[in-house]
């Protein structure tokens, strides 16, 4: 299932969402420019869970915060990048609409950190760089489901040898998406091969669960007023 659009209207320009997509695009192009130096760059700069267990802990925690931030904007290829940006474009604007620009940026980064450290807790010995915006975007999906369960997602689906589009309610589409992350995530526990297969399942799971919680903590449970200082 590939989401194409949603029926939930927004009331303003999603400036932060557009900015996040632009930053992801710039850093992805930078990755492409590295050529055969990319692997070295990722192992030096991206978030690697095993480093959190190294001493001294405080120094590695600080480095983890920086590398975790950078990793939120790195991707492993065109499909990884384009898929993440499609989801962010479709679902992020409505979450920004509810929170306002400033709080949405805080929400996005905190969701990304929640996803990153959920992955680290599930795979503490992993030496593989954990990159991608999907953890933060999973937080966006969780928040969107909380805010707009009745919205309909126009979705491209494959039926036998045909492609068609259907509208699926968010209350169906997003929990199904979550289950598709939860199953492999649980199966990867204690399975070294699955844990290094290239998908940070627990980043998706952790981000999705954190999304509604962060939304409520940042005041997204109520519609923002025009006097809201974070609205502009």
Protein backbone atom coordinates (compact mmCIF):
# COMPACT_ATOMS: atom_id res chain seq x y z
CA UNK A 1 0.00 0.00 0.00
CA UNK A 2 1.38 3.37 -1.03
CA UNK A 3 -0.37 6.51 0.27
CA UNK A 4 -0.92 9.19 -2.35
CA UNK A 5 -2.87 11.87 -0.48
CA UNK A 6 -5.32 12.39 2.35
CA UNK A 7 -8.68 14.11 2.68
CA UNK A 8 -7.82 16.12 5.80
CA UNK A 9 -7.53 19.78 4.90
CA UNK A 10 -5.01 22.11 6.46
CA UNK A 11 -5.52 25.77 7.30
CA UNK A 12 -2.01 27.15 6.78
CA UNK A 13 1.26 26.66 4.94
CA UNK A 14 3.25 23.73 6.45
CA UNK A 15 6.48 25.73 6.48
CA UNK A 16 8.35 23.50 8.92
CA UNK A 17 7.28 20.33 7.12
CA UNK A 18 8.58 21.77 3.85
CA UNK A 19 11.81 22.82 5.60
CA UNK A 20 12.30 19.30 7.00
CA UNK A 21 11.84 17.79 3.54
CA UNK A 22 14.32 20.30 2.12
CA UNK A 23 16.95 19.48 4.76
CA UNK A 24 16.50 15.77 4.10
CA UNK A 25 16.93 16.41 0.38
CA UNK A 26 20.09 18.49 0.80
CA UNK A 27 21.73 15.89 3.05
CA UNK A 28 20.71 13.06 0.75
CA UNK A 29 22.33 14.85 -2.18
CA UNK A 30 25.41 15.33 -0.01
CA UNK A 31 25.46 11.57 0.64
CA UNK A 32 25.29 10.92 -3.10
CA UNK A 33 28.20 13.29 -3.65
CA UNK A 34 30.44 11.26 -1.33
CA UNK A 35 30.59 8.28 -3.66
CA UNK A 36 32.78 5.53 -2.21
CA UNK A 37 33.48 7.69 0.86
CA UNK A 38 29.86 7.36 2.01
CA UNK A 39 30.33 4.20 4.07
CA UNK A 40 33.18 5.76 6.03
CA UNK A 41 31.14 8.89 6.64
CA UNK A 42 28.18 6.88 7.98
CA UNK A 43 30.30 4.78 10.33
CA UNK A 44 32.03 7.89 11.62
CA UNK A 45 29.07 10.25 11.93
CA UNK A 46 25.76 8.34 12.08
CA UNK A 47 24.13 6.85 15.18
CA UNK A 48 25.46 3.40 16.16
CA UNK A 49 23.71 1.81 19.19
CA UNK A 50 26.75 -0.07 20.49
CA UNK A 51 28.61 3.18 21.10
CA UNK A 52 26.17 4.13 23.86
CA UNK A 53 27.48 1.25 25.98
CA UNK A 54 31.07 2.37 25.66
CA UNK A 55 32.79 4.30 28.48
CA UNK A 56 32.73 7.08 29.48
CA UNK A 57 28.93 6.98 29.28
CA UNK A 58 28.29 10.73 29.50
CA UNK A 59 30.55 11.51 26.55
CA UNK A 60 29.00 8.82 24.40
CA UNK A 61 25.49 9.94 25.37
CA UNK A 62 26.35 13.45 24.18
CA UNK A 63 27.79 12.06 20.96
CA UNK A 64 24.68 9.91 20.62
CA UNK A 65 22.45 12.98 20.77
CA UNK A 66 24.41 14.64 17.95
CA UNK A 67 24.72 11.52 15.80
CA UNK A 68 21.05 10.73 16.46
CA UNK A 69 20.09 14.17 15.17
CA UNK A 70 22.22 13.81 12.06
CA UNK A 71 20.92 10.29 11.39
CA UNK A 72 17.33 11.60 11.27
CA UNK A 73 18.24 13.33 8.01
CA UNK A 74 20.29 10.61 6.31
CA UNK A 75 19.01 7.86 4.01
CA UNK A 76 20.21 4.61 2.53
CA UNK A 77 19.06 5.08 -1.07
CA UNK A 78 16.50 6.64 -3.39
CA UNK A 79 13.60 4.40 -2.35
CA UNK A 80 14.32 4.99 1.33
CA UNK A 81 14.47 8.75 0.81
CA UNK A 82 11.47 9.11 -1.53
CA UNK A 83 9.26 6.80 0.55
CA UNK A 84 9.97 8.70 3.75
CA UNK A 85 9.42 12.09 2.14
CA UNK A 86 6.11 10.94 0.64
CA UNK A 87 4.81 9.91 4.07
CA UNK A 88 6.09 13.12 5.65
CA UNK A 89 4.46 15.26 2.97
CA UNK A 90 1.07 13.55 3.28
CA UNK A 91 0.80 13.31 7.07
CA UNK A 92 3.10 15.97 8.49
CA UNK A 93 1.21 19.06 7.37
CA UNK A 94 -1.87 18.24 9.44
CA UNK A 95 0.15 17.61 12.59
CA UNK A 96 1.94 20.92 12.05
CA UNK A 97 -1.45 22.53 11.50
CA UNK A 98 -2.52 21.44 14.97
CA UNK A 99 0.69 22.22 16.84
CA UNK A 100 1.88 25.31 15.03
CA UNK A 101 5.31 25.69 13.48
CA UNK A 102 7.50 25.92 16.58
CA UNK A 103 5.93 23.09 18.51
CA UNK A 104 5.82 20.88 15.43
CA UNK A 105 9.58 21.20 15.00
CA UNK A 106 10.11 20.28 18.66
CA UNK A 107 7.65 17.39 18.27
CA UNK A 108 9.42 16.05 15.18
CA UNK A 109 12.87 16.08 16.75
CA UNK A 110 11.68 14.51 20.00
CA UNK A 111 9.85 11.80 18.07
CA UNK A 112 13.04 11.13 16.16
CA UNK A 113 15.03 10.79 19.37
CA UNK A 114 12.39 8.52 20.89
CA UNK A 115 12.59 6.30 17.82
CA UNK A 116 16.39 6.29 17.81
CA UNK A 117 16.71 5.27 21.43
CA UNK A 118 13.93 2.68 21.12
CA UNK A 119 16.05 1.11 18.39
CA UNK A 120 19.14 1.31 20.63
CA UNK A 121 17.33 -0.38 23.53
CA UNK A 122 16.16 -3.20 21.25
CA UNK A 123 19.57 -3.60 19.58
CA UNK A 124 22.17 -2.42 22.12
CA UNK A 125 25.06 -4.33 20.54
CA UNK A 126 24.40 -3.26 16.96
CA UNK A 127 27.41 -1.85 15.12
CA UNK A 128 25.28 -0.85 12.11
CA UNK A 129 24.58 2.86 11.51
CA UNK A 130 20.89 3.61 12.10
CA UNK A 131 19.85 6.21 9.53
CA UNK A 132 16.61 7.56 8.15
CA UNK A 133 13.73 9.90 8.89
CA UNK A 134 11.29 7.03 9.32
CA UNK A 135 11.50 7.04 13.13
CA UNK A 136 10.48 10.68 13.39
CA UNK A 137 7.90 10.19 10.64
CA UNK A 138 6.47 7.24 12.57
CA UNK A 139 5.83 9.72 15.37
CA UNK A 140 4.00 11.91 12.87
CA UNK A 141 1.86 8.92 11.84
CA UNK A 142 0.96 8.13 15.43
CA UNK A 143 -0.02 11.74 16.08
CA UNK A 144 -2.02 11.91 12.84
CA UNK A 145 -3.99 8.81 13.83
CA UNK A 146 -4.81 10.39 17.20
CA UNK A 147 -5.92 13.66 15.58
CA UNK A 148 -7.70 12.46 12.45
CA UNK A 149 -8.83 8.83 12.70
CA UNK A 150 -11.74 9.48 10.31
CA UNK A 151 -9.59 11.02 7.57
CA UNK A 152 -9.36 8.96 4.41
CA UNK A 153 -6.05 8.04 2.78
CA UNK A 154 -6.05 7.73 -1.01
CA UNK A 155 -3.90 4.65 -1.48
CA UNK A 156 -2.27 2.87 -4.40
CA UNK A 157 -2.80 -0.89 -4.04
CA UNK A 158 -1.73 -3.88 -6.09
CA UNK A 159 -4.41 -6.49 -6.86
CA UNK A 160 -3.08 -9.50 -8.75
CA UNK A 161 -1.56 -7.85 -11.85
CA UNK A 162 -3.43 -4.54 -11.59
CA UNK A 163 -2.83 -1.30 -9.75
CA UNK A 164 -5.75 0.74 -8.48
CA UNK A 165 -6.44 3.49 -5.95
CA UNK A 166 -8.84 3.26 -3.05
CA UNK A 167 -9.63 5.43 -0.05
CA UNK A 168 -8.81 3.79 3.26
CA UNK A 169 -9.78 5.37 6.61
CA UNK A 170 -6.79 6.44 8.69
CA UNK A 171 -8.14 4.29 11.53
CA UNK A 172 -7.53 1.28 9.25
CA UNK A 173 -4.48 2.36 7.24
CA UNK A 174 -2.25 3.50 10.09
CA UNK A 175 -2.87 0.64 12.57
CA UNK A 176 -2.27 -1.78 9.69
CA UNK A 177 0.98 0.01 8.93
CA UNK A 178 1.93 -0.27 12.62
CA UNK A 179 1.19 -4.01 12.70
CA UNK A 180 3.45 -4.45 9.68
CA UNK A 181 6.25 -2.94 11.78
CA UNK A 182 5.35 -4.70 15.03
CA UNK A 183 5.39 -8.25 13.62
CA UNK A 184 8.92 -8.18 12.17
CA UNK A 185 10.08 -6.12 15.15
CA UNK A 186 9.00 -8.76 17.66
CA UNK A 187 10.41 -11.50 15.42
CA UNK A 188 13.79 -9.74 15.38
CA UNK A 189 14.23 -9.92 19.16
CA UNK A 190 17.14 -12.24 19.86
CA UNK A 191 17.66 -12.84 16.14
CA UNK A 192 20.99 -11.35 15.13
CA UNK A 193 20.34 -11.82 11.41
CA UNK A 194 16.95 -10.05 11.57
CA UNK A 195 18.32 -7.28 13.76
CA UNK A 196 20.91 -6.41 11.12
CA UNK A 197 18.68 -6.90 8.08
CA UNK A 198 18.54 -3.20 7.29
CA UNK A 199 15.22 -2.10 8.84
CA UNK A 200 15.14 -0.50 12.30
CA UNK A 201 11.74 -1.93 13.23
CA UNK A 202 11.83 -0.68 16.80
CA UNK A 203 12.57 2.84 15.62
CA UNK A 204 9.26 2.71 13.75
CA UNK A 205 7.48 1.16 16.72
CA UNK A 206 8.98 3.56 19.25
CA UNK A 207 8.27 6.61 17.12
CA UNK A 208 4.66 5.61 16.48
CA UNK A 209 3.95 5.04 20.18
CA UNK A 210 5.72 8.26 21.17
CA UNK A 211 3.80 10.36 18.63
CA UNK A 212 0.46 10.73 20.45
CA UNK A 213 2.22 11.11 23.82
CA UNK A 214 4.43 13.94 22.57
CA UNK A 215 1.47 15.53 20.82
CA UNK A 216 -0.46 15.70 24.09
CA UNK A 217 2.56 16.89 26.09
CA UNK A 218 3.01 19.75 23.60
CA UNK A 219 -0.63 20.79 23.81
CA UNK A 220 -1.84 19.19 20.60
CA UNK A 221 -4.86 17.65 22.29
CA UNK A 222 -6.72 20.90 21.83
CA UNK A 223 -7.08 23.10 18.79
CA UNK A 224 -4.61 25.95 18.94
CA UNK A 225 -5.93 29.49 19.20
CA UNK A 226 -4.87 32.36 17.01
CA UNK A 227 -3.18 33.93 20.04
CA UNK A 228 -0.93 30.91 20.41
CA UNK A 229 2.66 32.29 20.39
CA UNK A 230 3.85 29.17 18.53
CA UNK A 231 1.22 29.55 15.81
CA UNK A 232 3.38 31.60 13.46
